[in-house]
C-alpha atoms as a PDB file:
ATOM      1  CA  MET A   1      81.933-131.225 210.145  1.00  0.00           C
ATOM      2  CA  ALA A   2      78.780-132.829 211.572  1.00  0.00           C
ATOM      3  CA  ASP A   3      79.608-131.097 214.875  1.00  0.00           C
ATOM      4  CA  ARG A   4      79.868-127.693 213.060  1.00  0.00           C
ATOM      5  CA  ARG A   5      76.614-128.254 211.391  1.00  0.00           C
ATOM      6  CA  GLU A   6      74.868-129.245 214.709  1.00  0.00           C
ATOM      7  CA  ARG A   7      76.584-126.171 216.321  1.00  0.00           C
ATOM      8  CA  SER A   8      75.171-123.831 213.603  1.00  0.00           C
ATOM      9  CA  ARG A   9      71.825-125.423 213.891  1.00  0.00           C
ATOM     10  CA  ARG A  10      71.544-124.927 217.666  1.00  0.00           C
ATOM     11  CA  LEU A  11      72.777-121.273 217.296  1.00  0.00           C
ATOM     12  CA  ALA A  12      70.113-120.719 214.685  1.00  0.00           C
ATOM     13  CA  VAL A  13      67.398-122.287 216.902  1.00  0.00           C
ATOM     14  CA  ILE A  14      68.633-120.059 219.806  1.00  0.00           C
ATOM     15  CA  GLY A  15      68.710-116.952 217.657  1.00  0.00           C
ATOM     16  CA  THR A  16      65.100-117.628 216.587  1.00  0.00           C
ATOM     17  CA  ILE A  17      63.978-118.155 220.220  1.00  0.00           C
ATOM     18  CA  LEU A  18      65.720-114.964 221.244  1.00  0.00           C
ATOM     19  CA  ALA A  19      64.147-113.002 218.323  1.00  0.00           C
ATOM     20  CA  GLY A  20      60.738-114.419 219.299  1.00  0.00           C
ATOM     21  CA  LEU A  21      61.222-113.502 222.920  1.00  0.00           C
ATOM     22  CA  LEU A  22      62.223-109.894 221.772  1.00  0.00           C
ATOM     23  CA  LEU A  23      59.125-109.677 219.645  1.00  0.00           C
ATOM     24  CA  VAL A  24      56.952-110.797 222.338  1.00  0.00           C
ATOM     25  CA  ALA A  25      58.502-108.377 224.794  1.00  0.00           C
ATOM     26  CA  PHE A  26      58.004-105.581 222.288  1.00  0.00           C
ATOM     27  CA  ILE A  27      54.350-106.326 221.870  1.00  0.00           C
ATOM     28  CA  ALA A  28      53.570-107.205 225.436  1.00  0.00           C
ATOM     29  CA  PHE A  29      55.332-104.201 227.100  1.00  0.00           C
ATOM     30  CA  PRO A  30      52.555-101.658 226.314  1.00  0.00           C
ATOM     31  CA  LEU A  31      50.072-104.258 227.617  1.00  0.00           C
ATOM     32  CA  PHE A  32      51.871-104.256 231.031  1.00  0.00           C
ATOM     33  CA  SER A  33      52.537-100.559 231.128  1.00  0.00           C
ATOM     34  CA  GLY A  34      49.198-100.039 232.843  1.00  0.00           C
ATOM     35  CA  LEU A  35      50.316-102.362 235.715  1.00  0.00           C
ATOM     36  CA  VAL A  36      53.626-100.587 235.862  1.00  0.00           C
ATOM     37  CA  ALA A  37      52.385 -97.112 235.701  1.00  0.00           C
ATOM     38  CA  PRO A  38      51.073 -96.827 239.290  1.00  0.00           C
ATOM     39  CA  LEU A  39      54.564 -97.911 240.604  1.00  0.00           C
ATOM     40  CA  VAL A  40      56.371 -94.981 238.853  1.00  0.00           C
ATOM     41  CA  PRO A  41      57.636 -92.396 241.515  1.00  0.00           C
ATOM     42  CA  GLN A  42      55.528 -89.496 241.641  1.00  0.00           C
ATOM     43  CA  SER A  43      58.506 -87.260 241.538  1.00  0.00           C
ATOM     44  CA  VAL A  44      59.372 -88.695 238.087  1.00  0.00           C
ATOM     45  CA  VAL A  45      55.665 -88.249 236.912  1.00  0.00           C
ATOM     46  CA  ASP A  46      55.598 -84.605 237.989  1.00  0.00           C
ATOM     47  CA  ALA A  47      59.101 -83.884 236.533  1.00  0.00           C
ATOM     48  CA  VAL A  48      58.143 -84.945 233.085  1.00  0.00           C
ATOM     49  CA  GLY A  49      54.831 -83.311 233.231  1.00  0.00           C
ATOM     50  CA  ALA A  50      56.297 -80.042 234.262  1.00  0.00           C
ATOM     51  CA  GLU A  51      59.015 -80.420 231.353  1.00  0.00           C
ATOM     52  CA  MET A  52      56.189 -80.926 228.879  1.00  0.00           C
ATOM     53  CA  ILE A  53      54.635 -77.689 229.974  1.00  0.00           C
ATOM     54  CA  LYS A  54      58.021 -75.935 229.838  1.00  0.00           C
ATOM     55  CA  ASP A  55      58.472 -77.176 226.328  1.00  0.00           C
ATOM     56  CA  THR A  56      55.090 -76.025 225.251  1.00  0.00           C
ATOM     57  CA  ALA A  57      55.865 -72.516 226.759  1.00  0.00           C
ATOM     58  CA  THR A  58      58.844 -72.117 224.324  1.00  0.00           C
ATOM     59  CA  ARG A  59      56.383 -72.110 221.442  1.00  0.00           C
ATOM     60  CA  GLY A  60      53.906 -69.588 222.711  1.00  0.00           C
ATOM     61  CA  SER A  61      52.216 -67.851 225.758  1.00  0.00           C
ATOM     62  CA  PHE A  62      49.333 -69.119 227.879  1.00  0.00           C
ATOM     63  CA  CYS A  63      45.839 -67.531 228.177  1.00  0.00           C
ATOM     64  CA  ASN A  64      45.366 -65.899 231.527  1.00  0.00           C
ATOM     65  CA  ALA A  65      42.442 -63.403 231.334  1.00  0.00           C
ATOM     66  CA  PRO A  66      40.900 -63.550 234.951  1.00  0.00           C
ATOM     67  CA  ALA A  67      37.231 -63.903 233.894  1.00  0.00           C
ATOM     68  CA  GLY A  68      38.159 -66.644 231.502  1.00  0.00           C
ATOM     69  CA  ARG A  69      40.199 -68.459 234.051  1.00  0.00           C
ATOM     70  CA  ALA A  70      37.345 -68.287 236.403  1.00  0.00           C
ATOM     71  CA  ALA A  71      35.027 -69.753 233.928  1.00  0.00           C
ATOM     72  CA  LEU A  72      37.479 -72.424 233.128  1.00  0.00           C
ATOM     73  CA  GLU A  73      37.895 -73.307 236.776  1.00  0.00           C
ATOM     74  CA  ARG A  74      34.025 -73.710 237.266  1.00  0.00           C
ATOM     75  CA  LEU A  75      34.008 -75.897 234.144  1.00  0.00           C
ATOM     76  CA  VAL A  76      36.657 -78.035 235.399  1.00  0.00           C
ATOM     77  CA  GLU A  77      35.276 -78.344 238.838  1.00  0.00           C
ATOM     78  CA  HIS A  78      31.877 -79.305 237.312  1.00  0.00           C
ATOM     79  CA  LEU A  79      33.425 -82.180 235.334  1.00  0.00           C
ATOM     80  CA  ALA A  80      35.779 -83.441 238.024  1.00  0.00           C
ATOM     81  CA  ALA A  81      33.078 -84.052 240.499  1.00  0.00           C
ATOM     82  CA  GLU A  82      33.083 -87.699 239.393  1.00  0.00           C
ATOM     83  CA  ALA A  83      36.822 -88.110 239.154  1.00  0.00           C
ATOM     84  CA  PRO A  84      37.685 -88.591 242.869  1.00  0.00           C
ATOM     85  CA  ASP A  85      41.366 -88.259 243.936  1.00  0.00           C
ATOM     86  CA  HIS A  86      42.504 -86.876 240.601  1.00  0.00           C
ATOM     87  CA  GLU A  87      44.035 -83.527 240.341  1.00  0.00           C
ATOM     88  CA  PHE A  88      43.714 -81.601 237.050  1.00  0.00           C
ATOM     89  CA  LYS A  89      45.923 -78.673 236.144  1.00  0.00           C
ATOM     90  CA  VAL A  90      44.419 -76.995 233.017  1.00  0.00           C
ATOM     91  CA  TYR A  91      46.041 -74.384 230.795  1.00  0.00           C
ATOM     92  CA  VAL A  92      44.872 -72.738 227.601  1.00  0.00           C
ATOM     93  CA  SER A  93      47.815 -72.089 225.073  1.00  0.00           C
ATOM     94  CA  ASP A  94      47.582 -69.195 222.541  1.00  0.00           C
ATOM     95  CA  GLN A  95      49.403 -71.242 219.950  1.00  0.00           C
ATOM     96  CA  SER A  96      47.469 -70.918 216.659  1.00  0.00           C
ATOM     97  CA  ILE A  97      47.132 -74.749 215.745  1.00  0.00           C
ATOM     98  CA  ILE A  98      44.246 -76.931 216.776  1.00  0.00           C
ATOM     99  CA  ASN A  99      45.397 -79.401 219.590  1.00  0.00           C
ATOM    100  CA  ALA A 100      44.863 -80.540 223.114  1.00  0.00           C
ATOM    101  CA  PHE A 101      46.947 -82.992 225.159  1.00  0.00           C
ATOM    102  CA  ALA A 102      47.036 -84.537 228.649  1.00  0.00           C
ATOM    103  CA  ALA A 103      50.508 -84.926 230.264  1.00  0.00           C
ATOM    104  CA  PRO A 104      51.741 -86.893 233.274  1.00  0.00           C
ATOM    105  CA  GLY A 105      50.879 -85.282 236.631  1.00  0.00           C
ATOM    106  CA  GLY A 106      47.347 -84.256 235.533  1.00  0.00           C
ATOM    107  CA  HIS A 107      48.521 -81.364 233.273  1.00  0.00           C
ATOM    108  CA  ILE A 108      46.033 -80.731 230.217  1.00  0.00           C
ATOM    109  CA  VAL A 109      46.641 -78.059 227.602  1.00  0.00           C
ATOM    110  CA  ILE A 110      43.801 -76.901 225.485  1.00  0.00           C
ATOM    111  CA  TYR A 111      44.925 -74.745 222.406  1.00  0.00           C
ATOM    112  CA  GLN A 112      43.034 -71.660 221.721  1.00  0.00           C
ATOM    113  CA  PRO A 113      41.716 -72.714 218.427  1.00  0.00           C
ATOM    114  CA  ILE A 114      39.797 -75.456 220.096  1.00  0.00           C
ATOM    115  CA  ILE A 115      37.745 -72.728 221.729  1.00  0.00           C
ATOM    116  CA  ALA A 116      37.592 -70.532 218.593  1.00  0.00           C
ATOM    117  CA  GLN A 117      36.395 -73.375 216.348  1.00  0.00           C
ATOM    118  CA  ALA A 118      33.847 -74.664 218.891  1.00  0.00           C
ATOM    119  CA  ASP A 119      30.204 -73.889 218.148  1.00  0.00           C
ATOM    120  CA  SER A 120      29.315 -74.162 221.812  1.00  0.00           C
ATOM    121  CA  ALA A 121      30.604 -74.493 225.241  1.00  0.00           C
ATOM    122  CA  GLU A 122      29.471 -78.105 225.219  1.00  0.00           C
ATOM    123  CA  GLU A 123      31.954 -78.888 222.477  1.00  0.00           C
ATOM    124  CA  VAL A 124      34.923 -77.331 224.480  1.00  0.00           C
ATOM    125  CA  ALA A 125      33.700 -79.352 227.524  1.00  0.00           C
ATOM    126  CA  GLY A 126      33.718 -82.569 225.290  1.00  0.00           C
ATOM    127  CA  VAL A 127      37.387 -81.966 224.354  1.00  0.00           C
ATOM    128  CA  LEU A 128      38.279 -81.163 227.833  1.00  0.00           C
ATOM    129  CA  ALA A 129      36.442 -84.110 229.285  1.00  0.00           C
ATOM    130  CA  HIS A 130      38.257 -86.318 226.681  1.00  0.00           C
ATOM    131  CA  GLU A 131      41.686 -85.214 227.960  1.00  0.00           C
ATOM    132  CA  MET A 132      40.389 -85.584 231.669  1.00  0.00           C
ATOM    133  CA  GLY A 133      39.444 -89.158 230.551  1.00  0.00           C
ATOM    134  CA  HIS A 134      43.130 -89.753 229.516  1.00  0.00           C
ATOM    135  CA  VAL A 135      44.243 -88.600 232.992  1.00  0.00           C
ATOM    136  CA  VAL A 136      41.774 -90.663 234.807  1.00  0.00           C
ATOM    137  CA  GLU A 137      42.688 -93.824 232.728  1.00  0.00           C
ATOM    138  CA  GLY A 138      46.226 -93.071 233.557  1.00  0.00           C
ATOM    139  CA  HIS A 139      47.255 -92.980 229.707  1.00  0.00           C
ATOM    140  CA  PRO A 140      49.930 -90.169 230.325  1.00  0.00           C
ATOM    141  CA  THR A 141      51.856 -92.214 232.832  1.00  0.00           C
ATOM    142  CA  GLN A 142      51.505 -95.317 230.782  1.00  0.00           C
ATOM    143  CA  GLY A 143      53.033 -93.457 227.862  1.00  0.00           C
ATOM    144  CA  LEU A 144      55.979 -92.287 230.165  1.00  0.00           C
ATOM    145  CA  VAL A 145      56.565 -96.025 231.066  1.00  0.00           C
ATOM    146  CA  GLU A 146      56.571 -97.222 227.425  1.00  0.00           C
ATOM    147  CA  ALA A 147      58.922 -94.172 226.518  1.00  0.00           C
ATOM    148  CA  VAL A 148      61.582 -95.076 229.208  1.00  0.00           C
ATOM    149  CA  GLY A 149      61.060 -98.709 229.853  1.00  0.00           C
ATOM    150  CA  TYR A 150      61.926-100.332 233.162  1.00  0.00           C
ATOM    151  CA  GLY A 151      64.848 -98.124 233.279  1.00  0.00           C
ATOM    152  CA  ILE A 152      62.536 -95.562 234.917  1.00  0.00           C
ATOM    153  CA  PHE A 153      63.164 -97.315 238.317  1.00  0.00           C
ATOM    154  CA  ASN A 154      66.954 -97.266 238.356  1.00  0.00           C
ATOM    155  CA  LYS A 155      68.420 -95.134 235.493  1.00  0.00           C
ATOM    156  CA  PHE A 156      66.010 -92.136 235.132  1.00  0.00           C
ATOM    157  CA  THR A 157      67.574 -89.003 236.641  1.00  0.00           C
ATOM    158  CA  ILE A 158      65.262 -86.054 237.192  1.00  0.00           C
ATOM    159  CA  GLY A 159      66.517 -82.673 236.098  1.00  0.00           C
ATOM    160  CA  SER A 160      68.937 -84.284 233.378  1.00  0.00           C
ATOM    161  CA  GLU A 161      68.589 -84.768 229.717  1.00  0.00           C
ATOM    162  CA  ASP A 162      66.419 -87.806 230.519  1.00  0.00           C
ATOM    163  CA  THR A 163      63.556 -85.555 231.681  1.00  0.00           C
ATOM    164  CA  LYS A 164      63.853 -83.372 228.526  1.00  0.00           C
ATOM    165  CA  ARG A 165      64.103 -86.229 226.093  1.00  0.00           C
ATOM    166  CA  VAL A 166      61.096 -88.112 227.403  1.00  0.00           C
ATOM    167  CA  ALA A 167      58.980 -84.993 227.450  1.00  0.00           C
ATOM    168  CA  GLU A 168      59.750 -84.180 223.931  1.00  0.00           C
ATOM    169  CA  SER A 169      59.080 -87.884 223.024  1.00  0.00           C
ATOM    170  CA  LEU A 170      55.623 -87.708 224.717  1.00  0.00           C
ATOM    171  CA  LEU A 171      54.811 -84.467 222.920  1.00  0.00           C
ATOM    172  CA  THR A 172      55.353 -86.092 219.670  1.00  0.00           C
ATOM    173  CA  ASN A 173      53.945 -89.501 220.344  1.00  0.00           C
ATOM    174  CA  HIS A 174      50.188 -90.279 220.189  1.00  0.00           C
ATOM    175  CA  TYR A 175      47.908 -92.491 222.088  1.00  0.00           C
ATOM    176  CA  SER A 176      46.753 -95.809 220.720  1.00  0.00           C
ATOM    177  CA  ARG A 177      43.391 -96.091 219.099  1.00  0.00           C
ATOM    178  CA  ASN A 178      42.105 -97.969 222.024  1.00  0.00           C
ATOM    179  CA  ASP A 179      43.339 -95.421 224.504  1.00  0.00           C
ATOM    180  CA  GLU A 180      41.554 -92.701 222.498  1.00  0.00           C
ATOM    181  CA  LEU A 181      38.361 -94.678 222.492  1.00  0.00           C
ATOM    182  CA  ASP A 182      38.736 -95.333 226.313  1.00  0.00           C
ATOM    183  CA  ALA A 183      39.176 -91.601 226.774  1.00  0.00           C
ATOM    184  CA  ASP A 184      36.068 -90.885 224.715  1.00  0.00           C
ATOM    185  CA  ARG A 185      33.999 -93.205 226.891  1.00  0.00           C
ATOM    186  CA  ARG A 186      35.394 -92.057 230.199  1.00  0.00           C
ATOM    187  CA  GLY A 187      34.908 -88.293 229.054  1.00  0.00           C
ATOM    188  CA  VAL A 188      31.425 -88.921 228.056  1.00  0.00           C
ATOM    189  CA  GLU A 189      30.752 -90.623 231.415  1.00  0.00           C
ATOM    190  CA  LEU A 190      32.112 -87.491 233.228  1.00  0.00           C
ATOM    191  CA  LEU A 191      29.738 -85.359 231.184  1.00  0.00           C
ATOM    192  CA  ASN A 192      26.798 -87.580 231.893  1.00  0.00           C
ATOM    193  CA  ALA A 193      27.551 -87.689 235.516  1.00  0.00           C
ATOM    194  CA  ALA A 194      27.738 -83.763 235.593  1.00  0.00           C
ATOM    195  CA  GLY A 195      24.279 -83.847 234.020  1.00  0.00           C
ATOM    196  CA  VAL A 196      25.334 -81.956 230.990  1.00  0.00           C
ATOM    197  CA  ASP A 197      24.968 -82.442 227.105  1.00  0.00           C
ATOM    198  CA  SER A 198      27.703 -85.023 226.194  1.00  0.00           C
ATOM    199  CA  ARG A 199      27.192 -84.923 222.579  1.00  0.00           C
ATOM    200  CA  GLY A 200      29.728 -82.088 222.032  1.00  0.00           C
ATOM    201  CA  LEU A 201      32.862 -84.041 221.495  1.00  0.00           C
ATOM    202  CA  PHE A 202      31.532 -85.899 218.496  1.00  0.00           C
ATOM    203  CA  SER A 203      30.009 -82.787 216.952  1.00  0.00           C
ATOM    204  CA  PHE A 204      33.318 -80.935 217.385  1.00  0.00           C
ATOM    205  CA  PHE A 205      35.293 -83.519 215.650  1.00  0.00           C
ATOM    206  CA  GLU A 206      32.737 -83.611 212.934  1.00  0.00           C
ATOM    207  CA  ARG A 207      32.999 -79.980 212.369  1.00  0.00           C
ATOM    208  CA  ILE A 208      36.863 -79.910 212.258  1.00  0.00           C
ATOM    209  CA  LYS A 209      36.648 -82.832 209.757  1.00  0.00           C
ATOM    210  CA  LYS A 210      34.523 -80.726 207.367  1.00  0.00           C
ATOM    211  CA  ALA A 211      36.714 -77.767 207.858  1.00  0.00           C
ATOM    212  CA  GLY A 212      39.881 -79.647 206.926  1.00  0.00           C
ATOM    213  CA  ASP A 213      42.798 -77.505 205.631  1.00  0.00           C
ATOM    214  CA  ASP A 214      41.012 -74.291 206.533  1.00  0.00           C
ATOM    215  CA  VAL A 215      41.911 -74.977 210.140  1.00  0.00           C
ATOM    216  CA  PRO A 216      45.717 -74.997 210.839  1.00  0.00           C
ATOM    217  CA  GLY A 217      46.628 -78.332 212.224  1.00  0.00           C
ATOM    218  CA  ALA A 218      43.206 -79.913 211.728  1.00  0.00           C
ATOM    219  CA  VAL A 219      44.514 -82.706 209.397  1.00  0.00           C
ATOM    220  CA  GLU A 220      47.212 -83.799 211.749  1.00  0.00           C
ATOM    221  CA  PHE A 221      44.958 -83.351 214.713  1.00  0.00           C
ATOM    222  CA  LEU A 222      42.180 -85.737 213.281  1.00  0.00           C
ATOM    223  CA  SER A 223      44.904 -88.249 212.122  1.00  0.00           C
ATOM    224  CA  THR A 224      45.857 -88.900 215.722  1.00  0.00           C
ATOM    225  CA  HIS A 225      42.106 -89.784 216.656  1.00  0.00           C
ATOM    226  CA  PRO A 226      39.745 -92.549 215.625  1.00  0.00           C
ATOM    227  CA  SER A 227      37.417 -91.925 212.637  1.00  0.00           C
ATOM    228  CA  GLY A 228      34.084 -90.487 212.980  1.00  0.00           C
ATOM    229  CA  ASP A 229      32.378 -93.739 212.198  1.00  0.00           C
ATOM    230  CA  THR A 230      34.452 -95.578 214.897  1.00  0.00           C
ATOM    231  CA  ARG A 231      33.714 -92.745 217.464  1.00  0.00           C
ATOM    232  CA  ARG A 232      30.002 -93.019 216.688  1.00  0.00           C
ATOM    233  CA  GLU A 233      29.924 -96.741 217.292  1.00  0.00           C
ATOM    234  CA  ASN A 234      32.065 -96.301 220.379  1.00  0.00           C
ATOM    235  CA  LEU A 235      29.699 -93.753 221.963  1.00  0.00           C
ATOM    236  CA  GLU A 236      26.414 -95.140 220.724  1.00  0.00           C
ATOM    237  CA  GLY A 237      23.980 -95.179 223.438  1.00  0.00           C
ATOM    238  CA  LEU A 238      26.426 -93.084 225.757  1.00  0.00           C
ATOM    239  CA  ALA A 239      26.370 -89.504 224.514  1.00  0.00           C
ATOM    240  CA  LYS A 240      23.180 -87.833 225.137  1.00  0.00           C
ATOM    241  CA  GLU A 241      21.244 -84.612 225.431  1.00  0.00           C
ATOM    242  CA  GLY A 242      21.553 -82.724 228.865  1.00  0.00           C
ATOM    243  CA  ASP A 243      21.825 -79.315 230.578  1.00  0.00           C
ATOM    244  CA  ALA A 244      24.076 -76.349 229.385  1.00  0.00           C
ATOM    245  CA  VAL A 245      27.538 -76.842 230.730  1.00  0.00           C
ATOM    246  CA  MET A 246      27.990 -73.152 231.640  1.00  0.00           C
ATOM    247  CA  SER A 247      26.150 -69.886 231.526  1.00  0.00           C
ATOM    248  CA  PRO A 248      26.240 -67.629 228.400  1.00  0.00           C
ATOM    249  CA  GLU A 249      28.508 -65.198 230.533  1.00  0.00           C
ATOM    250  CA  ASP A 250      31.010 -67.819 231.392  1.00  0.00           C
ATOM    251  CA  TRP A 251      31.115 -69.054 227.805  1.00  0.00           C
ATOM    252  CA  ALA A 252      31.686 -65.522 226.526  1.00  0.00           C
ATOM    253  CA  ALA A 253      34.503 -65.157 229.211  1.00  0.00           C
ATOM    254  CA  LEU A 254      36.098 -68.389 228.204  1.00  0.00           C
ATOM    255  CA  GLU A 255      36.122 -67.361 224.504  1.00  0.00           C
ATOM    256  CA  ALA A 256      38.028 -64.197 225.592  1.00  0.00           C
ATOM    257  CA  ILE A 257      40.456 -65.872 227.906  1.00  0.00           C
ATOM    258  CA  CYS A 258      43.342 -65.184 225.371  1.00  0.00           C
ATOM    259  CA  GLU A 259      42.874 -61.493 225.628  1.00  0.00           C
ATOM    260  CA  GLN A 260      45.481 -61.583 228.430  1.00  0.00           C
ATOM    261  CA  THR A 261      48.508 -63.899 227.963  1.00  0.00           C
ATOM    262  CA  GLY A 262      51.518 -64.675 230.060  1.00  0.00           C
ATOM    263  CA  PRO A 263      53.336 -67.463 231.848  1.00  0.00           C
ATOM    264  CA  ALA A 264      51.959 -70.990 232.673  1.00  0.00           C
ATOM    265  CA  GLU A 265      49.508 -70.558 235.394  1.00  0.00           C
ATOM    266  CA  PRO A 266      47.065 -73.569 235.457  1.00  0.00           C
ATOM    267  CA  VAL A 267      43.620 -73.751 236.699  1.00  0.00           C
ATOM    268  CA  VAL A 268      44.089 -76.431 239.576  1.00  0.00           C
ATOM    269  CA  VAL A 269      41.299 -78.540 240.524  1.00  0.00           C
ATOM    270  CA  ARG A 270      41.341 -81.548 242.839  1.00  0.00           C
ATOM    271  CA  ALA A 271      38.325 -83.744 243.000  1.00  0.00           C
ATOM    272  CA  ARG A 272      37.673 -85.515 246.340  1.00  0.00           C
ATOM    273  CA  GLN A 273      35.391 -88.352 247.410  1.00  0.00           C
END
């Protein structure tokens, strides 16, 4: 009887230890994802990013008016100058909800209502710079690692259901609060380095907050980002006045970019040292 009790006690201790280890692993894995992300094969990164764009295309078209694309390209080039060795593939979706996201492989999608609701080109630039900040910080690939786990190195099969499943997961998941704040800071740094007004990101979110339910998707969009007070504290002393980010002509062209729609044809910009 004593042996049985001792065996039960040992099993309970072992179970407690294993549960603790699993809990630590669950908590710690996201912390290590930043270290693991650079080791992910580029083929996997590209495949998941492309699948996310493919999934987005099933819900709407992309905005491809030539003058608008040219204006967008100049904007991305202007902001990317201080993000050496990063390639950005930027799309504008004609879907009628307010949203923007960065995907593995440097893909960035800005939804048309971001442009429509913006009061200025600087506000659009603020949102774009924020998403570029996610890319520079490596958040999309870190999210990929967290979604797949270490199996990404030996079980992940490109072109299989793995790719589709992970892409769908990343489209519905959201970055952590710290990732969002890091992207804010990095985005403002890109804007400041370009010499343009970097207050647009904060003013845009404040306007969307006031609009609330009047803007489709606004409540959900805001719920995935830090509060206005947190953002203000995070950017205090960083966001500042600067030059206009684009000419009035380019801003008008960007506002009209969805006058012509079609397949996913990104504006591609690679910044070099």
